[in-house]
Amino acid sequence: MSRAAFAEAYRIDPLRLQDIEDGRAADDIVLVSYLKVIAADPDLVRRALSSDAP
């Protein structure tokens, strides 16, 4: 999956993803944690984002 497709699927700013890949956003604990959740269960995250839940 391309960076752009990943960013769109998981509602992340593609520039922030690039920052992570380039080592410039390692201190963004929320984003890093979110990426860990996506890595652990990407389908769960997609379902949560596609639901009408708040």
PDB file of N, CA and C in Angstrom:
ATOM      1  N   MET A   1       0.862  -1.166   0.000  1.00  0.00           N
ATOM      2  CA  MET A   1       0.000   0.000   0.000  1.00  0.00           C
ATOM      3  C   MET A   1       0.912   1.234   0.000  1.00  0.00           C
ATOM      4  N   SER A   2       0.584   2.173  -0.830  1.00  0.00           N
ATOM      5  CA  SER A   2       1.389   3.401  -0.908  1.00  0.00           C
ATOM      6  C   SER A   2       1.182   4.242   0.352  1.00  0.00           C
ATOM      7  N   ARG A   3       2.088   5.158   0.590  1.00  0.00           N
ATOM      8  CA  ARG A   3       1.961   6.061   1.736  1.00  0.00           C
ATOM      9  C   ARG A   3       0.655   6.838   1.638  1.00  0.00           C
ATOM     10  N   ALA A   4       0.335   7.311   0.446  1.00  0.00           N
ATOM     11  CA  ALA A   4      -0.892   8.099   0.258  1.00  0.00           C
ATOM     12  C   ALA A   4      -2.133   7.264   0.570  1.00  0.00           C
ATOM     13  N   ALA A   5      -2.164   6.026   0.092  1.00  0.00           N
ATOM     14  CA  ALA A   5      -3.310   5.152   0.348  1.00  0.00           C
ATOM     15  C   ALA A   5      -3.411   4.815   1.842  1.00  0.00           C
ATOM     16  N   PHE A   6      -2.273   4.544   2.475  1.00  0.00           N
ATOM     17  CA  PHE A   6      -2.244   4.251   3.909  1.00  0.00           C
ATOM     18  C   PHE A   6      -2.755   5.450   4.694  1.00  0.00           C
ATOM     19  N   ALA A   7      -2.266   6.627   4.349  1.00  0.00           N
ATOM     20  CA  ALA A   7      -2.681   7.850   5.037  1.00  0.00           C
ATOM     21  C   ALA A   7      -4.180   8.075   4.895  1.00  0.00           C
ATOM     22  N   GLU A   8      -4.690   7.858   3.712  1.00  0.00           N
ATOM     23  CA  GLU A   8      -6.129   8.043   3.495  1.00  0.00           C
ATOM     24  C   GLU A   8      -6.932   6.999   4.258  1.00  0.00           C
ATOM     25  N   ALA A   9      -6.506   5.751   4.198  1.00  0.00           N
ATOM     26  CA  ALA A   9      -7.236   4.670   4.864  1.00  0.00           C
ATOM     27  C   ALA A   9      -7.314   4.866   6.371  1.00  0.00           C
ATOM     28  N   TYR A  10      -6.234   5.393   6.959  1.00  0.00           N
ATOM     29  CA  TYR A  10      -6.183   5.524   8.409  1.00  0.00           C
ATOM     30  C   TYR A  10      -6.277   6.963   8.893  1.00  0.00           C
ATOM     31  N   ARG A  11      -6.620   7.861   7.971  1.00  0.00           N
ATOM     32  CA  ARG A  11      -6.869   9.273   8.299  1.00  0.00           C
ATOM     33  C   ARG A  11      -5.664   9.936   8.983  1.00  0.00           C
ATOM     34  N   ILE A  12      -4.521   9.766   8.363  1.00  0.00           N
ATOM     35  CA  ILE A  12      -3.283  10.364   8.864  1.00  0.00           C
ATOM     36  C   ILE A  12      -2.754  11.311   7.799  1.00  0.00           C
ATOM     37  N   ASP A  13      -2.234  12.436   8.224  1.00  0.00           N
ATOM     38  CA  ASP A  13      -1.608  13.375   7.305  1.00  0.00           C
ATOM     39  C   ASP A  13      -0.390  12.696   6.667  1.00  0.00           C
ATOM     40  N   PRO A  14      -0.347  12.590   5.340  1.00  0.00           N
ATOM     41  CA  PRO A  14       0.780  11.924   4.690  1.00  0.00           C
ATOM     42  C   PRO A  14       2.134  12.558   5.014  1.00  0.00           C
ATOM     43  N   LEU A  15       2.145  13.851   5.267  1.00  0.00           N
ATOM     44  CA  LEU A  15       3.401  14.503   5.633  1.00  0.00           C
ATOM     45  C   LEU A  15       3.887  14.047   7.003  1.00  0.00           C
ATOM     46  N   ARG A  16       2.948  13.758   7.906  1.00  0.00           N
ATOM     47  CA  ARG A  16       3.332  13.223   9.225  1.00  0.00           C
ATOM     48  C   ARG A  16       3.908  11.819   9.077  1.00  0.00           C
ATOM     49  N   LEU A  17       3.345  11.029   8.178  1.00  0.00           N
ATOM     50  CA  LEU A  17       3.906   9.695   7.926  1.00  0.00           C
ATOM     51  C   LEU A  17       5.327   9.809   7.401  1.00  0.00           C
ATOM     52  N   GLN A  18       5.538  10.744   6.516  1.00  0.00           N
ATOM     53  CA  GLN A  18       6.880  10.943   5.984  1.00  0.00           C
ATOM     54  C   GLN A  18       7.830  11.370   7.105  1.00  0.00           C
ATOM     55  N   ASP A  19       7.346  12.212   7.999  1.00  0.00           N
ATOM     56  CA  ASP A  19       8.165  12.625   9.142  1.00  0.00           C
ATOM     57  C   ASP A  19       8.568  11.417   9.987  1.00  0.00           C
ATOM     58  N   ILE A  20       7.630  10.516  10.222  1.00  0.00           N
ATOM     59  CA  ILE A  20       7.931   9.301  10.996  1.00  0.00           C
ATOM     60  C   ILE A  20       8.985   8.476  10.261  1.00  0.00           C
ATOM     61  N   GLU A  21       8.777   8.279   8.970  1.00  0.00           N
ATOM     62  CA  GLU A  21       9.716   7.477   8.173  1.00  0.00           C
ATOM     63  C   GLU A  21      11.107   8.102   8.153  1.00  0.00           C
ATOM     64  N   ASP A  22      11.163   9.415   8.201  1.00  0.00           N
ATOM     65  CA  ASP A  22      12.444  10.120   8.171  1.00  0.00           C
ATOM     66  C   ASP A  22      13.027  10.347   9.562  1.00  0.00           C
ATOM     67  N   GLY A  23      12.346   9.862  10.608  1.00  0.00           N
ATOM     68  CA  GLY A  23      12.839   9.979  11.966  1.00  0.00           C
ATOM     69  C   GLY A  23      12.633  11.338  12.601  1.00  0.00           C
ATOM     70  N   ARG A  24      11.762  12.149  12.014  1.00  0.00           N
ATOM     71  CA  ARG A  24      11.555  13.502  12.539  1.00  0.00           C
ATOM     72  C   ARG A  24      10.372  13.615  13.490  1.00  0.00           C
ATOM     73  N   ALA A  25       9.598  12.545  13.667  1.00  0.00           N
ATOM     74  CA  ALA A  25       8.416  12.646  14.523  1.00  0.00           C
ATOM     75  C   ALA A  25       8.361  11.511  15.543  1.00  0.00           C
ATOM     76  N   ALA A  26       9.510  10.954  15.867  1.00  0.00           N
ATOM     77  CA  ALA A  26       9.545   9.840  16.811  1.00  0.00           C
ATOM     78  C   ALA A  26       9.015  10.233  18.187  1.00  0.00           C
ATOM     79  N   ASP A  27       9.041  11.526  18.501  1.00  0.00           N
ATOM     80  CA  ASP A  27       8.551  11.984  19.795  1.00  0.00           C
ATOM     81  C   ASP A  27       7.040  12.218  19.809  1.00  0.00           C
ATOM     82  N   ASP A  28       6.374  12.004  18.687  1.00  0.00           N
ATOM     83  CA  ASP A  28       4.913  12.148  18.621  1.00  0.00           C
ATOM     84  C   ASP A  28       4.301  10.846  19.122  1.00  0.00           C
ATOM     85  N   ILE A  29       4.169  10.727  20.444  1.00  0.00           N
ATOM     86  CA  ILE A  29       3.757   9.484  21.079  1.00  0.00           C
ATOM     87  C   ILE A  29       2.364   9.041  20.635  1.00  0.00           C
ATOM     88  N   VAL A  30       1.488   9.983  20.365  1.00  0.00           N
ATOM     89  CA  VAL A  30       0.128   9.623  19.936  1.00  0.00           C
ATOM     90  C   VAL A  30       0.175   8.976  18.556  1.00  0.00           C
ATOM     91  N   LEU A  31       0.879   9.580  17.630  1.00  0.00           N
ATOM     92  CA  LEU A  31       0.974   9.017  16.287  1.00  0.00           C
ATOM     93  C   LEU A  31       1.705   7.680  16.302  1.00  0.00           C
ATOM     94  N   VAL A  32       2.790   7.599  17.028  1.00  0.00           N
ATOM     95  CA  VAL A  32       3.543   6.341  17.108  1.00  0.00           C
ATOM     96  C   VAL A  32       2.665   5.238  17.712  1.00  0.00           C
ATOM     97  N   SER A  33       1.908   5.571  18.736  1.00  0.00           N
ATOM     98  CA  SER A  33       1.005   4.598  19.354  1.00  0.00           C
ATOM     99  C   SER A  33      -0.087   4.167  18.386  1.00  0.00           C
ATOM    100  N   TYR A  34      -0.640   5.110  17.658  1.00  0.00           N
ATOM    101  CA  TYR A  34      -1.674   4.800  16.667  1.00  0.00           C
ATOM    102  C   TYR A  34      -1.115   3.864  15.597  1.00  0.00           C
ATOM    103  N   LEU A  35       0.089   4.127  15.139  1.00  0.00           N
ATOM    104  CA  LEU A  35       0.705   3.251  14.140  1.00  0.00           C
ATOM    105  C   LEU A  35       0.923   1.847  14.692  1.00  0.00           C
ATOM    106  N   LYS A  36       1.235   1.732  15.978  1.00  0.00           N
ATOM    107  CA  LYS A  36       1.382   0.412  16.603  1.00  0.00           C
ATOM    108  C   LYS A  36       0.053  -0.334  16.641  1.00  0.00           C
ATOM    109  N   VAL A  37      -1.024   0.393  16.928  1.00  0.00           N
ATOM    110  CA  VAL A  37      -2.358  -0.220  16.932  1.00  0.00           C
ATOM    111  C   VAL A  37      -2.712  -0.693  15.523  1.00  0.00           C
ATOM    112  N   ILE A  38      -2.436   0.133  14.525  1.00  0.00           N
ATOM    113  CA  ILE A  38      -2.696  -0.254  13.133  1.00  0.00           C
ATOM    114  C   ILE A  38      -1.890  -1.500  12.790  1.00  0.00           C
ATOM    115  N   ALA A  39      -0.631  -1.551  13.187  1.00  0.00           N
ATOM    116  CA  ALA A  39       0.207  -2.719  12.890  1.00  0.00           C
ATOM    117  C   ALA A  39      -0.331  -3.970  13.559  1.00  0.00           C
ATOM    118  N   ALA A  40      -0.870  -3.828  14.766  1.00  0.00           N
ATOM    119  CA  ALA A  40      -1.375  -4.980  15.504  1.00  0.00           C
ATOM    120  C   ALA A  40      -2.691  -5.507  14.933  1.00  0.00           C
ATOM    121  N   ASP A  41      -3.565  -4.600  14.497  1.00  0.00           N
ATOM    122  CA  ASP A  41      -4.880  -5.044  14.005  1.00  0.00           C
ATOM    123  C   ASP A  41      -5.449  -4.033  13.015  1.00  0.00           C
ATOM    124  N   PRO A  42      -4.922  -4.029  11.801  1.00  0.00           N
ATOM    125  CA  PRO A  42      -5.370  -3.032  10.818  1.00  0.00           C
ATOM    126  C   PRO A  42      -6.861  -3.123  10.484  1.00  0.00           C
ATOM    127  N   ASP A  43      -7.410  -4.331  10.467  1.00  0.00           N
ATOM    128  CA  ASP A  43      -8.832  -4.465  10.152  1.00  0.00           C
ATOM    129  C   ASP A  43      -9.707  -3.843  11.233  1.00  0.00           C
ATOM    130  N   LEU A  44      -9.320  -4.006  12.475  1.00  0.00           N
ATOM    131  CA  LEU A  44     -10.068  -3.402  13.573  1.00  0.00           C
ATOM    132  C   LEU A  44     -10.098  -1.887  13.433  1.00  0.00           C
ATOM    133  N   VAL A  45      -8.964  -1.308  13.115  1.00  0.00           N
ATOM    134  CA  VAL A  45      -8.895   0.153  12.968  1.00  0.00           C
ATOM    135  C   VAL A  45      -9.756   0.605  11.796  1.00  0.00           C
ATOM    136  N   ARG A  46      -9.685  -0.112  10.685  1.00  0.00           N
ATOM    137  CA  ARG A  46     -10.518   0.254   9.525  1.00  0.00           C
ATOM    138  C   ARG A  46     -11.995   0.165   9.858  1.00  0.00           C
ATOM    139  N   ARG A  47     -12.383  -0.897  10.574  1.00  0.00           N
ATOM    140  CA  ARG A  47     -13.796  -1.023  10.967  1.00  0.00           C
ATOM    141  C   ARG A  47     -14.208   0.114  11.888  1.00  0.00           C
ATOM    142  N   ALA A  48     -13.342   0.453  12.829  1.00  0.00           N
ATOM    143  CA  ALA A  48     -13.664   1.546  13.768  1.00  0.00           C
ATOM    144  C   ALA A  48     -13.802   2.867  13.029  1.00  0.00           C
ATOM    145  N   LEU A  49     -12.946   3.111  12.055  1.00  0.00           N
ATOM    146  CA  LEU A  49     -13.017   4.367  11.315  1.00  0.00           C
ATOM    147  C   LEU A  49     -14.207   4.421  10.375  1.00  0.00           C
ATOM    148  N   SER A  50     -14.690   3.272   9.946  1.00  0.00           N
ATOM    149  CA  SER A  50     -15.807   3.266   9.005  1.00  0.00           C
ATOM    150  C   SER A  50     -17.164   3.218   9.706  1.00  0.00           C
ATOM    151  N   SER A  51     -17.176   2.987  11.004  1.00  0.00           N
ATOM    152  CA  SER A  51     -18.446   2.899  11.723  1.00  0.00           C
ATOM    153  C   SER A  51     -18.968   4.287  12.031  1.00  0.00           C
ATOM    154  N   ASP A  52     -20.186   4.322  12.491  1.00  0.00           N
ATOM    155  CA  ASP A  52     -20.800   5.594  12.882  1.00  0.00           C
ATOM    156  C   ASP A  52     -20.521   5.930  14.339  1.00  0.00           C
ATOM    157  N   ALA A  53     -19.669   5.141  14.980  1.00  0.00           N
ATOM    158  CA  ALA A  53     -19.346   5.384  16.383  1.00  0.00           C
ATOM    159  C   ALA A  53     -18.591   6.688  16.536  1.00  0.00           C
ATOM    160  N   PRO A  54     -18.829   7.378  17.646  1.00  0.00           N
ATOM    161  CA  PRO A  54     -18.133   8.660  17.884  1.00  0.00           C
ATOM    162  C   PRO A  54     -16.640   8.476  18.073  1.00  0.00           C
TER     163      PRO A  54
END
